[in-house]
Amino acid sequence: MRLQMLVLGVVFLAPAYGQTPPTATEAFNLRIKCKEMVDEKTQTMTEDFYRKNAPELDFFFSSSRYDPRANRCYGEFHVKQKYRTGPTKERERRILYDMQVDDLMATEEITDSKRYGMVYDHSHKSMTNANSGWDDTDAYMNEMMEDKK
C-alpha cells in the first residue's frame, strides 16, 4: 500500500517539479525580454491601430510582468480615448495578453461610466458577474500582474 502511494505521489507530483526555476541571471534576462515584447506590441498597437483609427487617443501605456514560476510573460495595455463627436464621449480599456503566444487573456472597458469585462483564460473560475463581468475581470487582471515575491 505504501509503495502504491509513493508511486502515485511521484507520478502526480513529478510534472510539477520537472522544470527547474530560472537562475537569477536567467530571470533578469527573461524580464528584459518580456519588457521588449510588450514594448514591441505597444508600438504596433499605437502606430498601426490607435493613431490611425482613433485620433482622439488621450493616453496609452503598457506594463510587463515575467512570472518565473509559470515561465510566462504578461503584457498589460491601458488605453483611454475621448471623442469629440458621436454618442460615445469617453472609452477606457485595459487589455491583458500572454505575450509568449500572443493570446488575449482578459479585457475590461469603461464606456461613458458603464463597465464591462471578460476573462478569456479557460482556467479562470469566475467569482462574480457584477458590472457585466468588470469586477471579476479587474480582480483577475490585478492578480495576474501582481509581482508575487
N, C-alpha and C. Protein backbone atom coordinates (compact mmCIF):
# COMPACT_ATOMS: atom_id res chain seq x y z
N MET A 1 0.83 -1.20 0.00
CA MET A 1 0.00 0.00 0.00
C MET A 1 0.87 1.26 0.00
N ARG A 2 1.90 1.27 0.85
CA ARG A 2 2.79 2.44 0.89
C ARG A 2 3.53 2.61 -0.44
N LEU A 3 3.89 1.51 -1.04
CA LEU A 3 4.59 1.58 -2.32
C LEU A 3 3.65 2.18 -3.38
N GLN A 4 2.37 1.80 -3.37
CA GLN A 4 1.41 2.36 -4.32
C GLN A 4 1.28 3.87 -4.11
N MET A 5 1.21 4.30 -2.86
CA MET A 5 1.09 5.73 -2.56
C MET A 5 2.33 6.48 -3.02
N LEU A 6 3.50 5.89 -2.81
CA LEU A 6 4.74 6.52 -3.24
C LEU A 6 4.78 6.66 -4.75
N VAL A 7 4.38 5.61 -5.46
CA VAL A 7 4.37 5.64 -6.92
C VAL A 7 3.37 6.69 -7.42
N LEU A 8 2.17 6.72 -6.83
CA LEU A 8 1.19 7.72 -7.23
C LEU A 8 1.69 9.13 -6.95
N GLY A 9 2.35 9.33 -5.82
CA GLY A 9 2.91 10.64 -5.49
C GLY A 9 3.94 11.08 -6.51
N VAL A 10 4.80 10.18 -6.91
CA VAL A 10 5.82 10.50 -7.91
C VAL A 10 5.19 10.80 -9.25
N VAL A 11 4.18 10.02 -9.64
CA VAL A 11 3.52 10.21 -10.93
C VAL A 11 2.82 11.56 -11.00
N PHE A 12 2.13 11.94 -9.92
CA PHE A 12 1.36 13.18 -9.96
C PHE A 12 2.17 14.42 -9.59
N LEU A 13 3.19 14.28 -8.80
CA LEU A 13 3.96 15.45 -8.38
C LEU A 13 5.18 15.72 -9.24
N ALA A 14 5.69 14.73 -9.90
CA ALA A 14 6.90 14.91 -10.72
C ALA A 14 6.74 15.97 -11.80
N PRO A 15 5.61 15.99 -12.54
CA PRO A 15 5.49 17.04 -13.56
C PRO A 15 5.54 18.45 -12.99
N ALA A 16 5.04 18.63 -11.78
CA ALA A 16 5.05 19.97 -11.18
C ALA A 16 6.47 20.41 -10.84
N TYR A 17 7.32 19.48 -10.56
CA TYR A 17 8.69 19.83 -10.18
C TYR A 17 9.69 19.51 -11.28
N GLY A 18 9.21 19.12 -12.44
CA GLY A 18 10.10 18.72 -13.52
C GLY A 18 10.91 19.86 -14.10
N GLN A 19 10.39 21.05 -14.07
CA GLN A 19 11.09 22.20 -14.64
C GLN A 19 11.77 22.97 -13.52
N THR A 20 13.06 23.16 -13.67
CA THR A 20 13.77 23.92 -12.65
C THR A 20 13.55 25.40 -12.89
N PRO A 21 13.38 26.17 -11.82
CA PRO A 21 13.19 27.61 -11.99
C PRO A 21 14.45 28.26 -12.57
N PRO A 22 14.29 29.38 -13.25
CA PRO A 22 15.46 30.05 -13.82
C PRO A 22 16.37 30.60 -12.73
N THR A 23 17.64 30.68 -13.04
CA THR A 23 18.59 31.31 -12.12
C THR A 23 18.28 32.81 -12.08
N ALA A 24 18.89 33.51 -11.15
CA ALA A 24 18.66 34.96 -11.02
C ALA A 24 19.03 35.68 -12.32
N THR A 25 20.13 35.29 -12.92
CA THR A 25 20.57 35.92 -14.18
C THR A 25 19.58 35.61 -15.31
N GLU A 26 19.15 34.35 -15.39
CA GLU A 26 18.18 33.98 -16.42
C GLU A 26 16.86 34.72 -16.23
N ALA A 27 16.40 34.81 -14.99
CA ALA A 27 15.15 35.53 -14.71
C ALA A 27 15.28 37.00 -15.08
N PHE A 28 16.42 37.60 -14.78
CA PHE A 28 16.67 39.01 -15.14
C PHE A 28 16.58 39.19 -16.65
N ASN A 29 17.25 38.30 -17.39
CA ASN A 29 17.24 38.38 -18.85
C ASN A 29 15.84 38.13 -19.42
N LEU A 30 15.08 37.22 -18.79
CA LEU A 30 13.72 36.95 -19.25
C LEU A 30 12.79 38.13 -18.97
N ARG A 31 13.02 38.84 -17.88
CA ARG A 31 12.24 40.05 -17.60
C ARG A 31 12.50 41.12 -18.66
N ILE A 32 13.77 41.25 -19.04
CA ILE A 32 14.14 42.22 -20.09
C ILE A 32 13.47 41.82 -21.41
N LYS A 33 13.54 40.56 -21.76
CA LYS A 33 12.92 40.08 -23.00
C LYS A 33 11.41 40.30 -22.97
N CYS A 34 10.79 40.06 -21.81
CA CYS A 34 9.35 40.28 -21.65
C CYS A 34 9.01 41.75 -21.90
N LYS A 35 9.77 42.64 -21.30
CA LYS A 35 9.56 44.08 -21.48
C LYS A 35 9.71 44.47 -22.96
N GLU A 36 10.70 43.90 -23.63
CA GLU A 36 10.89 44.18 -25.05
C GLU A 36 9.70 43.72 -25.88
N MET A 37 9.14 42.55 -25.55
CA MET A 37 7.98 42.03 -26.28
C MET A 37 6.78 42.95 -26.08
N VAL A 38 6.58 43.44 -24.86
CA VAL A 38 5.47 44.35 -24.58
C VAL A 38 5.68 45.69 -25.28
N ASP A 39 6.91 46.19 -25.25
CA ASP A 39 7.20 47.46 -25.93
C ASP A 39 6.93 47.34 -27.44
N GLU A 40 7.29 46.21 -28.02
CA GLU A 40 7.06 45.99 -29.45
C GLU A 40 5.57 45.96 -29.77
N LYS A 41 4.79 45.28 -28.94
CA LYS A 41 3.34 45.23 -29.16
C LYS A 41 2.72 46.61 -28.93
N THR A 42 3.23 47.36 -27.96
CA THR A 42 2.76 48.72 -27.72
C THR A 42 2.96 49.57 -28.95
N GLN A 43 4.14 49.48 -29.54
CA GLN A 43 4.46 50.23 -30.76
C GLN A 43 3.50 49.86 -31.88
N THR A 44 3.27 48.57 -32.06
CA THR A 44 2.37 48.10 -33.11
C THR A 44 0.95 48.58 -32.87
N MET A 45 0.48 48.46 -31.62
CA MET A 45 -0.90 48.87 -31.31
C MET A 45 -1.09 50.37 -31.50
N THR A 46 -0.15 51.16 -31.05
CA THR A 46 -0.33 52.62 -31.15
C THR A 46 -0.18 53.10 -32.59
N GLU A 47 0.82 52.61 -33.29
CA GLU A 47 1.07 53.10 -34.65
C GLU A 47 0.10 52.52 -35.67
N ASP A 48 -0.17 51.22 -35.59
CA ASP A 48 -0.98 50.57 -36.62
C ASP A 48 -2.47 50.68 -36.38
N PHE A 49 -2.89 50.89 -35.14
CA PHE A 49 -4.32 50.93 -34.91
C PHE A 49 -4.78 52.24 -34.27
N TYR A 50 -4.32 52.51 -33.08
CA TYR A 50 -4.89 53.63 -32.34
C TYR A 50 -4.59 54.99 -32.97
N ARG A 51 -3.43 55.22 -33.49
CA ARG A 51 -3.12 56.53 -34.09
C ARG A 51 -3.91 56.74 -35.38
N LYS A 52 -4.09 55.66 -36.16
CA LYS A 52 -4.81 55.77 -37.42
C LYS A 52 -6.32 55.83 -37.21
N ASN A 53 -6.83 54.99 -36.33
CA ASN A 53 -8.28 54.82 -36.19
C ASN A 53 -8.90 55.59 -35.03
N ALA A 54 -8.08 56.14 -34.19
CA ALA A 54 -8.61 56.85 -33.02
C ALA A 54 -7.77 58.08 -32.72
N PRO A 55 -7.94 59.12 -33.53
CA PRO A 55 -7.13 60.32 -33.29
C PRO A 55 -7.44 60.98 -31.94
N GLU A 56 -8.53 60.57 -31.30
CA GLU A 56 -8.89 61.13 -30.01
C GLU A 56 -8.18 60.44 -28.85
N LEU A 57 -7.11 59.72 -29.12
CA LEU A 57 -6.38 58.97 -28.10
C LEU A 57 -5.91 59.93 -27.00
N ASP A 58 -6.35 59.69 -25.78
CA ASP A 58 -5.98 60.53 -24.63
C ASP A 58 -4.68 60.02 -24.02
N PHE A 59 -4.60 58.71 -23.75
CA PHE A 59 -3.33 58.13 -23.30
C PHE A 59 -3.29 56.65 -23.63
N PHE A 60 -2.08 56.14 -23.69
CA PHE A 60 -1.83 54.72 -23.93
C PHE A 60 -0.56 54.37 -23.17
N PHE A 61 -0.64 53.41 -22.26
CA PHE A 61 0.57 52.95 -21.61
C PHE A 61 0.50 51.45 -21.41
N SER A 62 1.64 50.86 -21.17
CA SER A 62 1.71 49.41 -21.02
C SER A 62 2.67 49.05 -19.90
N SER A 63 2.52 47.82 -19.44
CA SER A 63 3.45 47.29 -18.44
C SER A 63 3.64 45.81 -18.70
N SER A 64 4.74 45.28 -18.19
CA SER A 64 5.05 43.87 -18.40
C SER A 64 5.28 43.19 -17.07
N ARG A 65 5.10 41.88 -17.07
CA ARG A 65 5.41 41.08 -15.89
C ARG A 65 5.85 39.70 -16.34
N TYR A 66 7.06 39.32 -15.93
CA TYR A 66 7.52 37.97 -16.17
C TYR A 66 7.28 37.17 -14.90
N ASP A 67 6.60 36.03 -15.03
CA ASP A 67 6.32 35.14 -13.90
C ASP A 67 7.27 33.95 -13.98
N PRO A 68 8.31 33.92 -13.13
CA PRO A 68 9.28 32.83 -13.21
C PRO A 68 8.70 31.47 -12.81
N ARG A 69 7.67 31.46 -11.98
CA ARG A 69 7.06 30.17 -11.58
C ARG A 69 6.35 29.51 -12.75
N ALA A 70 5.62 30.31 -13.51
CA ALA A 70 4.89 29.78 -14.66
C ALA A 70 5.71 29.88 -15.95
N ASN A 71 6.83 30.61 -15.88
CA ASN A 71 7.67 30.88 -17.04
C ASN A 71 6.85 31.53 -18.16
N ARG A 72 6.07 32.56 -17.78
CA ARG A 72 5.21 33.26 -18.73
C ARG A 72 5.49 34.76 -18.67
N CYS A 73 5.24 35.42 -19.79
CA CYS A 73 5.36 36.86 -19.90
C CYS A 73 3.97 37.43 -20.16
N TYR A 74 3.56 38.38 -19.32
CA TYR A 74 2.26 39.01 -19.45
C TYR A 74 2.43 40.48 -19.80
N GLY A 75 1.57 40.97 -20.67
CA GLY A 75 1.58 42.38 -21.04
C GLY A 75 0.22 42.99 -20.77
N GLU A 76 0.23 44.14 -20.13
CA GLU A 76 -1.00 44.87 -19.84
C GLU A 76 -0.97 46.18 -20.62
N PHE A 77 -2.08 46.49 -21.27
CA PHE A 77 -2.19 47.69 -22.09
C PHE A 77 -3.39 48.49 -21.62
N HIS A 78 -3.20 49.77 -21.41
CA HIS A 78 -4.25 50.64 -20.90
C HIS A 78 -4.43 51.79 -21.89
N VAL A 79 -5.65 51.93 -22.39
CA VAL A 79 -5.95 52.91 -23.44
C VAL A 79 -7.14 53.77 -23.00
N LYS A 80 -7.03 55.06 -23.22
CA LYS A 80 -8.16 55.95 -22.95
C LYS A 80 -8.37 56.85 -24.16
N GLN A 81 -9.63 56.92 -24.61
CA GLN A 81 -9.99 57.75 -25.75
C GLN A 81 -11.11 58.70 -25.34
N LYS A 82 -11.03 59.91 -25.82
CA LYS A 82 -12.09 60.89 -25.65
C LYS A 82 -12.57 61.29 -27.03
N TYR A 83 -13.88 61.25 -27.22
CA TYR A 83 -14.46 61.52 -28.53
C TYR A 83 -15.11 62.90 -28.54
N ARG A 84 -14.85 63.63 -29.61
CA ARG A 84 -15.45 64.96 -29.77
C ARG A 84 -16.80 64.88 -30.47
N THR A 85 -17.01 63.82 -31.24
CA THR A 85 -18.27 63.65 -31.96
C THR A 85 -18.84 62.27 -31.68
N GLY A 86 -20.11 62.09 -31.94
CA GLY A 86 -20.76 60.79 -31.77
C GLY A 86 -21.35 60.61 -30.39
N PRO A 87 -22.08 59.50 -30.20
CA PRO A 87 -22.76 59.28 -28.93
C PRO A 87 -21.81 58.92 -27.78
N THR A 88 -20.68 58.31 -28.06
CA THR A 88 -19.72 57.94 -27.02
C THR A 88 -18.81 59.12 -26.74
N LYS A 89 -18.67 59.47 -25.49
CA LYS A 89 -17.82 60.60 -25.10
C LYS A 89 -16.44 60.15 -24.62
N GLU A 90 -16.40 58.99 -23.93
CA GLU A 90 -15.13 58.55 -23.36
C GLU A 90 -15.11 57.02 -23.28
N ARG A 91 -13.97 56.42 -23.61
CA ARG A 91 -13.80 54.97 -23.52
C ARG A 91 -12.41 54.67 -22.97
N GLU A 92 -12.38 53.81 -21.97
CA GLU A 92 -11.12 53.40 -21.37
C GLU A 92 -11.06 51.88 -21.39
N ARG A 93 -9.94 51.34 -21.87
CA ARG A 93 -9.78 49.89 -21.97
C ARG A 93 -8.50 49.45 -21.27
N ARG A 94 -8.57 48.28 -20.70
CA ARG A 94 -7.41 47.60 -20.11
C ARG A 94 -7.40 46.20 -20.69
N ILE A 95 -6.27 45.80 -21.26
CA ILE A 95 -6.17 44.55 -22.01
C ILE A 95 -4.98 43.76 -21.47
N LEU A 96 -5.17 42.45 -21.28
CA LEU A 96 -4.09 41.58 -20.78
C LEU A 96 -3.80 40.49 -21.79
N TYR A 97 -2.52 40.37 -22.15
CA TYR A 97 -2.07 39.34 -23.09
C TYR A 97 -1.04 38.43 -22.45
N ASP A 98 -1.05 37.16 -22.89
CA ASP A 98 0.07 36.26 -22.66
C ASP A 98 0.97 36.50 -23.86
N MET A 99 2.08 37.17 -23.62
CA MET A 99 2.91 37.65 -24.73
C MET A 99 3.64 36.53 -25.48
N GLN A 100 3.90 35.42 -24.83
CA GLN A 100 4.67 34.36 -25.48
C GLN A 100 3.88 33.70 -26.61
N VAL A 101 2.56 33.68 -26.49
CA VAL A 101 1.72 33.08 -27.53
C VAL A 101 0.78 34.11 -28.15
N ASP A 102 0.95 35.40 -27.76
CA ASP A 102 0.12 36.50 -28.25
C ASP A 102 -1.37 36.16 -28.09
N ASP A 103 -1.71 35.73 -26.87
CA ASP A 103 -3.06 35.27 -26.57
C ASP A 103 -3.76 36.30 -25.67
N LEU A 104 -4.93 36.77 -26.10
CA LEU A 104 -5.72 37.68 -25.31
C LEU A 104 -6.28 36.92 -24.11
N MET A 105 -5.96 37.37 -22.89
CA MET A 105 -6.40 36.68 -21.68
C MET A 105 -7.61 37.35 -21.05
N ALA A 106 -7.68 38.67 -21.10
CA ALA A 106 -8.80 39.39 -20.49
C ALA A 106 -8.85 40.81 -21.03
N THR A 107 -10.04 41.37 -20.99
CA THR A 107 -10.21 42.76 -21.38
C THR A 107 -11.35 43.37 -20.58
N GLU A 108 -11.15 44.61 -20.19
CA GLU A 108 -12.21 45.33 -19.49
C GLU A 108 -12.33 46.71 -20.12
N GLU A 109 -13.53 47.26 -20.01
CA GLU A 109 -13.79 48.54 -20.66
C GLU A 109 -14.76 49.36 -19.82
N ILE A 110 -14.52 50.65 -19.80
CA ILE A 110 -15.46 51.60 -19.22
C ILE A 110 -15.82 52.57 -20.34
N THR A 111 -17.08 52.54 -20.74
CA THR A 111 -17.57 53.43 -21.79
C THR A 111 -18.63 54.33 -21.19
N ASP A 112 -18.34 55.62 -21.12
CA ASP A 112 -19.27 56.58 -20.54
C ASP A 112 -19.82 56.09 -19.19
N SER A 113 -18.92 55.66 -18.32
CA SER A 113 -19.21 55.20 -16.95
C SER A 113 -19.88 53.83 -16.87
N LYS A 114 -20.11 53.14 -17.98
CA LYS A 114 -20.65 51.78 -17.97
C LYS A 114 -19.49 50.81 -18.05
N ARG A 115 -19.49 49.82 -17.16
CA ARG A 115 -18.36 48.88 -17.07
C ARG A 115 -18.71 47.52 -17.67
N TYR A 116 -17.73 46.95 -18.37
CA TYR A 116 -17.84 45.63 -18.98
C TYR A 116 -16.52 44.91 -18.80
N GLY A 117 -16.56 43.60 -18.71
CA GLY A 117 -15.32 42.85 -18.62
C GLY A 117 -15.50 41.40 -19.03
N MET A 118 -14.40 40.79 -19.52
CA MET A 118 -14.44 39.40 -19.94
C MET A 118 -13.05 38.78 -19.75
N VAL A 119 -13.02 37.60 -19.13
CA VAL A 119 -11.79 36.83 -18.98
C VAL A 119 -11.86 35.69 -19.99
N TYR A 120 -10.84 35.56 -20.82
CA TYR A 120 -10.80 34.52 -21.85
C TYR A 120 -9.95 33.32 -21.44
N ASP A 121 -9.30 33.41 -20.31
CA ASP A 121 -8.47 32.33 -19.78
C ASP A 121 -9.40 31.21 -19.31
N HIS A 122 -9.34 30.05 -19.97
CA HIS A 122 -10.26 28.95 -19.66
C HIS A 122 -10.03 28.36 -18.27
N SER A 123 -8.87 28.57 -17.69
CA SER A 123 -8.61 28.03 -16.36
C SER A 123 -9.16 28.94 -15.25
N HIS A 124 -9.63 30.12 -15.62
CA HIS A 124 -10.16 31.07 -14.63
C HIS A 124 -11.58 30.68 -14.21
N LYS A 125 -11.79 30.70 -12.90
CA LYS A 125 -13.13 30.44 -12.35
C LYS A 125 -13.73 31.79 -11.95
N SER A 126 -14.79 32.17 -12.63
CA SER A 126 -15.43 33.46 -12.39
C SER A 126 -16.00 33.52 -10.98
N MET A 127 -15.76 34.64 -10.28
CA MET A 127 -16.23 34.81 -8.91
C MET A 127 -17.50 35.65 -8.83
N THR A 128 -17.68 36.56 -9.76
CA THR A 128 -18.86 37.43 -9.74
C THR A 128 -19.14 37.93 -11.15
N ASN A 129 -20.38 38.27 -11.41
CA ASN A 129 -20.75 38.83 -12.70
C ASN A 129 -21.17 40.30 -12.54
N ALA A 130 -20.82 40.90 -11.41
CA ALA A 130 -21.19 42.29 -11.15
C ALA A 130 -20.59 43.21 -12.21
N ASN A 131 -21.29 44.27 -12.52
CA ASN A 131 -20.85 45.26 -13.52
C ASN A 131 -20.54 44.59 -14.85
N SER A 132 -21.39 43.67 -15.26
CA SER A 132 -21.22 42.96 -16.54
C SER A 132 -19.85 42.29 -16.65
N GLY A 133 -19.39 41.71 -15.55
CA GLY A 133 -18.12 40.98 -15.54
C GLY A 133 -16.91 41.83 -15.23
N TRP A 134 -17.08 43.15 -15.10
CA TRP A 134 -15.93 44.03 -14.89
C TRP A 134 -15.23 43.75 -13.57
N ASP A 135 -15.96 43.57 -12.48
CA ASP A 135 -15.34 43.34 -11.17
C ASP A 135 -14.47 42.10 -11.18
N ASP A 136 -14.99 41.01 -11.74
CA ASP A 136 -14.24 39.75 -11.82
C ASP A 136 -13.00 39.91 -12.70
N THR A 137 -13.18 40.56 -13.83
CA THR A 137 -12.07 40.76 -14.76
C THR A 137 -11.00 41.65 -14.14
N ASP A 138 -11.40 42.69 -13.45
CA ASP A 138 -10.44 43.59 -12.81
C ASP A 138 -9.63 42.84 -11.75
N ALA A 139 -10.29 42.02 -10.94
CA ALA A 139 -9.58 41.24 -9.92
C ALA A 139 -8.61 40.25 -10.57
N TYR A 140 -9.04 39.59 -11.64
CA TYR A 140 -8.19 38.64 -12.36
C TYR A 140 -6.95 39.34 -12.93
N MET A 141 -7.15 40.48 -13.58
CA MET A 141 -6.03 41.19 -14.19
C MET A 141 -5.06 41.70 -13.12
N ASN A 142 -5.59 42.20 -12.02
CA ASN A 142 -4.72 42.66 -10.92
C ASN A 142 -3.89 41.51 -10.38
N GLU A 143 -4.50 40.35 -10.22
CA GLU A 143 -3.77 39.19 -9.70
C GLU A 143 -2.70 38.73 -10.68
N MET A 144 -3.02 38.72 -11.97
CA MET A 144 -2.04 38.26 -12.96
C MET A 144 -0.85 39.22 -13.07
N MET A 145 -1.08 40.50 -12.84
CA MET A 145 0.00 41.48 -12.97
C MET A 145 0.72 41.76 -11.65
N GLU A 146 0.23 41.16 -10.55
CA GLU A 146 0.87 41.35 -9.25
C GLU A 146 2.20 40.61 -9.21
N ASP A 147 3.21 41.30 -8.75
CA ASP A 147 4.54 40.69 -8.64
C ASP A 147 4.61 39.92 -7.33
N LYS A 148 4.45 38.61 -7.44
CA LYS A 148 4.49 37.75 -6.25
C LYS A 148 5.93 37.41 -5.92
N LYS A 149 6.33 37.74 -4.75
CA LYS A 149 7.74 37.50 -4.36
C LYS A 149 7.89 36.22 -3.59
